[in-house]
Amino acid sequence: MERTDTEAAQATEETVKRITGVLAGFVTDEGVEIVRSTRLFDDLGLDSTNVLEMLVELETEMDIEFDTDSLEFGHFETVESLAAFVTGMMKA
């Protein structure tokens, strides 16, 4: 059964909220606001180790499993790009 546009938007918004919650644990600068356009590496200063730790937390938080073969750098550009990737995984 296909999701309606509204349901898809709600699912994406929920995914964004969960991702920003997980990312907040990796940010040391309390003045940083995490929004859809936040760049994971440039704005938050994440490194590859942080990304791996974040993925483990997301797997637990969202009850999903990432296929490391399908991960691409582009998935980690922004909160929005990561949310789109995670939402797409959840549809599959």
C-alpha atoms as a PDB file:
ATOM      1  CA  MET A   1       0.000   0.000   0.000  1.00  0.00           C
ATOM      2  CA  GLU A   2       1.442   3.342  -1.098  1.00  0.00           C
ATOM      3  CA  ARG A   3       1.762   6.176   1.375  1.00  0.00           C
ATOM      4  CA  THR A   4      -0.027   9.397   0.634  1.00  0.00           C
ATOM      5  CA  ASP A   5       2.060  12.541   0.233  1.00  0.00           C
ATOM      6  CA  THR A   6       0.921  13.660   3.681  1.00  0.00           C
ATOM      7  CA  GLU A   7       1.918  10.354   5.285  1.00  0.00           C
ATOM      8  CA  ALA A   8       5.287  10.438   3.535  1.00  0.00           C
ATOM      9  CA  ALA A   9       5.884  14.014   4.725  1.00  0.00           C
ATOM     10  CA  GLN A  10       4.964  13.024   8.287  1.00  0.00           C
ATOM     11  CA  ALA A  11       7.301  10.023   8.158  1.00  0.00           C
ATOM     12  CA  THR A  12      10.141  12.206   6.888  1.00  0.00           C
ATOM     13  CA  GLU A  13       9.479  14.827   9.573  1.00  0.00           C
ATOM     14  CA  GLU A  14       9.515  12.148  12.280  1.00  0.00           C
ATOM     15  CA  THR A  15      12.785  10.814  10.856  1.00  0.00           C
ATOM     16  CA  VAL A  16      14.301  14.318  10.904  1.00  0.00           C
ATOM     17  CA  LYS A  17      13.312  14.725  14.574  1.00  0.00           C
ATOM     18  CA  ARG A  18      14.863  11.413  15.530  1.00  0.00           C
ATOM     19  CA  ILE A  19      18.055  12.140  13.601  1.00  0.00           C
ATOM     20  CA  THR A  20      18.418  15.603  15.146  1.00  0.00           C
ATOM     21  CA  GLY A  21      17.912  14.041  18.580  1.00  0.00           C
ATOM     22  CA  VAL A  22      20.711  11.555  17.982  1.00  0.00           C
ATOM     23  CA  LEU A  23      22.972  14.216  16.461  1.00  0.00           C
ATOM     24  CA  ALA A  24      22.500  16.466  19.490  1.00  0.00           C
ATOM     25  CA  GLY A  25      24.524  13.936  21.464  1.00  0.00           C
ATOM     26  CA  PHE A  26      27.517  14.492  19.201  1.00  0.00           C
ATOM     27  CA  VAL A  27      27.537  18.288  19.297  1.00  0.00           C
ATOM     28  CA  THR A  28      29.807  19.935  21.835  1.00  0.00           C
ATOM     29  CA  ASP A  29      28.861  23.527  20.945  1.00  0.00           C
ATOM     30  CA  GLU A  30      25.536  24.246  22.631  1.00  0.00           C
ATOM     31  CA  GLY A  31      24.970  27.245  20.341  1.00  0.00           C
ATOM     32  CA  VAL A  32      24.586  25.046  17.257  1.00  0.00           C
ATOM     33  CA  GLU A  33      21.033  24.609  16.024  1.00  0.00           C
ATOM     34  CA  ILE A  34      20.411  21.368  14.158  1.00  0.00           C
ATOM     35  CA  VAL A  35      17.922  21.834  11.314  1.00  0.00           C
ATOM     36  CA  ARG A  36      17.240  20.120   7.991  1.00  0.00           C
ATOM     37  CA  SER A  37      19.964  22.076   6.195  1.00  0.00           C
ATOM     38  CA  THR A  38      22.629  21.473   8.843  1.00  0.00           C
ATOM     39  CA  ARG A  39      25.732  19.964   7.252  1.00  0.00           C
ATOM     40  CA  LEU A  40      27.004  17.040   9.275  1.00  0.00           C
ATOM     41  CA  PHE A  41      30.700  17.508   8.599  1.00  0.00           C
ATOM     42  CA  ASP A  42      30.991  21.252   8.003  1.00  0.00           C
ATOM     43  CA  ASP A  43      28.491  22.611  10.538  1.00  0.00           C
ATOM     44  CA  LEU A  44      28.625  19.932  13.238  1.00  0.00           C
ATOM     45  CA  GLY A  45      32.257  18.948  12.792  1.00  0.00           C
ATOM     46  CA  LEU A  46      31.527  15.219  12.657  1.00  0.00           C
ATOM     47  CA  ASP A  47      34.266  12.875  11.543  1.00  0.00           C
ATOM     48  CA  SER A  48      34.112   9.316  10.253  1.00  0.00           C
ATOM     49  CA  THR A  49      34.198   7.855  13.758  1.00  0.00           C
ATOM     50  CA  ASN A  50      31.284  10.071  14.829  1.00  0.00           C
ATOM     51  CA  VAL A  51      29.319   8.974  11.764  1.00  0.00           C
ATOM     52  CA  LEU A  52      29.807   5.302  12.597  1.00  0.00           C
ATOM     53  CA  GLU A  53      28.720   5.904  16.191  1.00  0.00           C
ATOM     54  CA  MET A  54      25.723   7.895  14.953  1.00  0.00           C
ATOM     55  CA  LEU A  55      24.708   5.069  12.609  1.00  0.00           C
ATOM     56  CA  VAL A  56      24.792   2.571  15.470  1.00  0.00           C
ATOM     57  CA  GLU A  57      22.598   4.878  17.573  1.00  0.00           C
ATOM     58  CA  LEU A  58      20.190   5.409  14.669  1.00  0.00           C
ATOM     59  CA  GLU A  59      19.922   1.661  14.131  1.00  0.00           C
ATOM     60  CA  THR A  60      18.933   1.250  17.773  1.00  0.00           C
ATOM     61  CA  GLU A  61      16.679   4.315  17.896  1.00  0.00           C
ATOM     62  CA  MET A  62      14.806   3.517  14.695  1.00  0.00           C
ATOM     63  CA  ASP A  63      15.009  -0.285  14.716  1.00  0.00           C
ATOM     64  CA  ILE A  64      16.673  -0.434  11.306  1.00  0.00           C
ATOM     65  CA  GLU A  65      19.891  -1.910   9.983  1.00  0.00           C
ATOM     66  CA  PHE A  66      22.142  -0.049   7.585  1.00  0.00           C
ATOM     67  CA  ASP A  67      23.619  -1.947   4.673  1.00  0.00           C
ATOM     68  CA  THR A  68      27.150  -0.593   4.609  1.00  0.00           C
ATOM     69  CA  ASP A  69      27.386  -1.372   0.889  1.00  0.00           C
ATOM     70  CA  SER A  70      24.587   1.101   0.171  1.00  0.00           C
ATOM     71  CA  LEU A  71      26.049   4.011   2.161  1.00  0.00           C
ATOM     72  CA  GLU A  72      27.374   6.915   0.129  1.00  0.00           C
ATOM     73  CA  PHE A  73      29.010  10.164   1.185  1.00  0.00           C
ATOM     74  CA  GLY A  74      26.036  12.083  -0.221  1.00  0.00           C
ATOM     75  CA  HIS A  75      23.756  10.514   2.394  1.00  0.00           C
ATOM     76  CA  PHE A  76      25.686  12.398   5.074  1.00  0.00           C
ATOM     77  CA  GLU A  77      25.819  15.877   3.572  1.00  0.00           C
ATOM     78  CA  THR A  78      22.910  17.299   5.563  1.00  0.00           C
ATOM     79  CA  VAL A  79      20.287  16.243   8.061  1.00  0.00           C
ATOM     80  CA  GLU A  80      17.788  16.287   5.203  1.00  0.00           C
ATOM     81  CA  SER A  81      19.861  14.025   2.939  1.00  0.00           C
ATOM     82  CA  LEU A  82      20.327  11.544   5.791  1.00  0.00           C
ATOM     83  CA  ALA A  83      16.595  11.658   6.604  1.00  0.00           C
ATOM     84  CA  ALA A  84      15.726  10.983   2.950  1.00  0.00           C
ATOM     85  CA  PHE A  85      18.064   8.005   2.904  1.00  0.00           C
ATOM     86  CA  VAL A  86      16.711   6.589   6.187  1.00  0.00           C
ATOM     87  CA  THR A  87      13.098   7.141   5.109  1.00  0.00           C
ATOM     88  CA  GLY A  88      13.834   5.331   1.859  1.00  0.00           C
ATOM     89  CA  MET A  89      15.318   2.420   3.805  1.00  0.00           C
ATOM     90  CA  MET A  90      12.240   2.192   5.961  1.00  0.00           C
ATOM     91  CA  LYS A  91       9.990   1.925   2.887  1.00  0.00           C
ATOM     92  CA  ALA A  92      11.962  -1.040   1.551  1.00  0.00           C
END
